[in-house]
Amino acid sequence: MGIVDWLLRRRPSGRDVAKERLRSIVLFDRTGVPPKLFQAVKSDLIDSVSRHLIVDRSGTEIVLTQERTHGRGRLVASIPILGPRQRRSTADLERDPKH
């Protein structure tokens, strides 16, 4: 699915979905990254960013790509940021230890 399709909210055809799945399988095989490990990395990455920023998890896209020149894998993340997380100061915690 291209950027224009995504912007226009077009749904991918069954053919496009199958093609993308096959591409993912080949990519996981070539990079040596098992799908379960990739899912764990994605989850850890989103959790880590979420500790510091408010993110739109539904709009998050993290993909594994392969460089054509060197054949190495590349992790590409697009995580929509809604704003910073409010940090509580130590003084606030001392005054109100319940939270």
C-alpha atoms as a PDB file:
ATOM      1  CA  MET A   1       0.000   0.000   0.000  1.00  0.00           C
ATOM      2  CA  GLY A   2       1.497   3.326  -1.064  1.00  0.00           C
ATOM      3  CA  ILE A   3       1.468   6.650   0.744  1.00  0.00           C
ATOM      4  CA  VAL A   4      -1.235   8.031  -1.572  1.00  0.00           C
ATOM      5  CA  ASP A   5      -3.481   5.055  -0.805  1.00  0.00           C
ATOM      6  CA  TRP A   6      -2.849   5.494   2.912  1.00  0.00           C
ATOM      7  CA  LEU A   7      -3.598   9.234   2.782  1.00  0.00           C
ATOM      8  CA  LEU A   8      -6.800   8.609   0.856  1.00  0.00           C
ATOM      9  CA  ARG A   9      -7.677   5.712   3.219  1.00  0.00           C
ATOM     10  CA  ARG A  10      -8.008   3.230   0.380  1.00  0.00           C
ATOM     11  CA  ARG A  11      -8.285  -0.383   1.410  1.00  0.00           C
ATOM     12  CA  PRO A  12      -5.684  -2.696  -0.129  1.00  0.00           C
ATOM     13  CA  SER A  13      -6.895  -5.447  -2.451  1.00  0.00           C
ATOM     14  CA  GLY A  14      -6.551  -9.109  -1.504  1.00  0.00           C
ATOM     15  CA  ARG A  15      -3.764  -9.391  -4.048  1.00  0.00           C
ATOM     16  CA  ASP A  16      -1.857  -6.525  -2.409  1.00  0.00           C
ATOM     17  CA  VAL A  17      -2.277  -8.030   1.050  1.00  0.00           C
ATOM     18  CA  ALA A  18      -0.982 -11.414  -0.136  1.00  0.00           C
ATOM     19  CA  LYS A  19       1.946  -9.744  -1.882  1.00  0.00           C
ATOM     20  CA  GLU A  20       2.838  -7.812   1.282  1.00  0.00           C
ATOM     21  CA  ARG A  21       2.663 -10.969   3.414  1.00  0.00           C
ATOM     22  CA  LEU A  22       4.949 -12.827   1.027  1.00  0.00           C
ATOM     23  CA  ARG A  23       7.368  -9.888   1.004  1.00  0.00           C
ATOM     24  CA  SER A  24       7.404  -9.956   4.822  1.00  0.00           C
ATOM     25  CA  ILE A  25       8.110 -13.695   4.919  1.00  0.00           C
ATOM     26  CA  VAL A  26      11.001 -13.349   2.476  1.00  0.00           C
ATOM     27  CA  LEU A  27      12.369 -10.361   4.396  1.00  0.00           C
ATOM     28  CA  PHE A  28      12.242 -12.177   7.762  1.00  0.00           C
ATOM     29  CA  ASP A  29      14.047 -15.098   6.137  1.00  0.00           C
ATOM     30  CA  ARG A  30      16.767 -12.936   4.553  1.00  0.00           C
ATOM     31  CA  THR A  31      17.447 -10.826   7.648  1.00  0.00           C
ATOM     32  CA  GLY A  32      17.346 -13.778  10.047  1.00  0.00           C
ATOM     33  CA  VAL A  33      14.877 -11.989  12.350  1.00  0.00           C
ATOM     34  CA  PRO A  34      12.078 -14.341  13.415  1.00  0.00           C
ATOM     35  CA  PRO A  35       8.566 -12.806  13.407  1.00  0.00           C
ATOM     36  CA  LYS A  36       8.117 -13.371  17.182  1.00  0.00           C
ATOM     37  CA  LEU A  37      11.344 -11.492  17.898  1.00  0.00           C
ATOM     38  CA  PHE A  38      10.255  -8.674  15.584  1.00  0.00           C
ATOM     39  CA  GLN A  39       6.913  -8.397  17.410  1.00  0.00           C
ATOM     40  CA  ALA A  40       8.736  -8.263  20.763  1.00  0.00           C
ATOM     41  CA  VAL A  41      11.055  -5.514  19.493  1.00  0.00           C
ATOM     42  CA  LYS A  42       8.074  -3.520  18.191  1.00  0.00           C
ATOM     43  CA  SER A  43       6.282  -3.815  21.518  1.00  0.00           C
ATOM     44  CA  ASP A  44       9.388  -2.845  23.520  1.00  0.00           C
ATOM     45  CA  LEU A  45      10.040   0.135  21.245  1.00  0.00           C
ATOM     46  CA  ILE A  46       6.498   1.481  21.580  1.00  0.00           C
ATOM     47  CA  ASP A  47       6.513   0.912  25.355  1.00  0.00           C
ATOM     48  CA  SER A  48       9.842   2.717  25.693  1.00  0.00           C
ATOM     49  CA  VAL A  49       8.715   5.750  23.687  1.00  0.00           C
ATOM     50  CA  SER A  50       5.382   5.773  25.561  1.00  0.00           C
ATOM     51  CA  ARG A  51       7.175   6.232  28.887  1.00  0.00           C
ATOM     52  CA  HIS A  52       8.299   9.683  27.741  1.00  0.00           C
ATOM     53  CA  LEU A  53       5.711  10.749  25.150  1.00  0.00           C
ATOM     54  CA  ILE A  54       1.997  10.260  24.579  1.00  0.00           C
ATOM     55  CA  VAL A  55       1.736   8.303  21.332  1.00  0.00           C
ATOM     56  CA  ASP A  56      -1.088   7.216  19.052  1.00  0.00           C
ATOM     57  CA  ARG A  57      -0.643   3.439  19.167  1.00  0.00           C
ATOM     58  CA  SER A  58      -3.275   2.874  16.479  1.00  0.00           C
ATOM     59  CA  GLY A  59      -1.340   5.053  14.026  1.00  0.00           C
ATOM     60  CA  THR A  60       2.015   3.454  14.773  1.00  0.00           C
ATOM     61  CA  GLU A  61       3.797   1.697  11.934  1.00  0.00           C
ATOM     62  CA  ILE A  62       7.040  -0.198  12.479  1.00  0.00           C
ATOM     63  CA  VAL A  63       8.426  -2.191   9.580  1.00  0.00           C
ATOM     64  CA  LEU A  64      11.494  -4.199   8.724  1.00  0.00           C
ATOM     65  CA  THR A  65      13.011  -3.327   5.362  1.00  0.00           C
ATOM     66  CA  GLN A  66      16.084  -4.486   3.499  1.00  0.00           C
ATOM     67  CA  GLU A  67      18.703  -2.247   1.903  1.00  0.00           C
ATOM     68  CA  ARG A  68      19.278  -3.134  -1.713  1.00  0.00           C
ATOM     69  CA  THR A  69      22.960  -2.210  -1.746  1.00  0.00           C
ATOM     70  CA  HIS A  70      24.176  -4.106   1.327  1.00  0.00           C
ATOM     71  CA  GLY A  71      21.328  -6.543   1.970  1.00  0.00           C
ATOM     72  CA  ARG A  72      21.132  -5.489   5.613  1.00  0.00           C
ATOM     73  CA  GLY A  73      17.853  -5.145   7.472  1.00  0.00           C
ATOM     74  CA  ARG A  74      16.594  -1.785   8.632  1.00  0.00           C
ATOM     75  CA  LEU A  75      13.947  -1.091  11.265  1.00  0.00           C
ATOM     76  CA  VAL A  76      11.794   1.875  10.262  1.00  0.00           C
ATOM     77  CA  ALA A  77       9.389   3.365  12.804  1.00  0.00           C
ATOM     78  CA  SER A  78       6.652   5.917  12.356  1.00  0.00           C
ATOM     79  CA  ILE A  79       5.121   6.689  15.745  1.00  0.00           C
ATOM     80  CA  PRO A  80       2.632   9.585  15.877  1.00  0.00           C
ATOM     81  CA  ILE A  81       3.354  11.763  18.913  1.00  0.00           C
ATOM     82  CA  LEU A  82       0.391  13.395  20.641  1.00  0.00           C
ATOM     83  CA  GLY A  83       2.462  15.277  23.217  1.00  0.00           C
ATOM     84  CA  PRO A  84       4.914  14.993  26.096  1.00  0.00           C
ATOM     85  CA  ARG A  85       4.150  13.006  29.225  1.00  0.00           C
ATOM     86  CA  GLN A  86       3.801  15.076  32.371  1.00  0.00           C
ATOM     87  CA  ARG A  87       6.566  14.091  34.768  1.00  0.00           C
ATOM     88  CA  ARG A  88       5.796  14.311  38.476  1.00  0.00           C
ATOM     89  CA  SER A  89       8.534  15.940  40.492  1.00  0.00           C
ATOM     90  CA  THR A  90       9.999  14.364  43.618  1.00  0.00           C
ATOM     91  CA  ALA A  91       8.373  17.099  45.717  1.00  0.00           C
ATOM     92  CA  ASP A  92       4.948  16.163  44.305  1.00  0.00           C
ATOM     93  CA  LEU A  93       5.535  12.514  45.156  1.00  0.00           C
ATOM     94  CA  GLU A  94       6.595  13.364  48.728  1.00  0.00           C
ATOM     95  CA  ARG A  95       3.458  15.451  49.296  1.00  0.00           C
ATOM     96  CA  ASP A  96       1.133  12.815  47.815  1.00  0.00           C
ATOM     97  CA  PRO A  97       2.744   9.357  48.205  1.00  0.00           C
ATOM     98  CA  LYS A  98      -0.437   7.538  47.094  1.00  0.00           C
ATOM     99  CA  HIS A  99       0.358   8.127  43.418  1.00  0.00           C
END
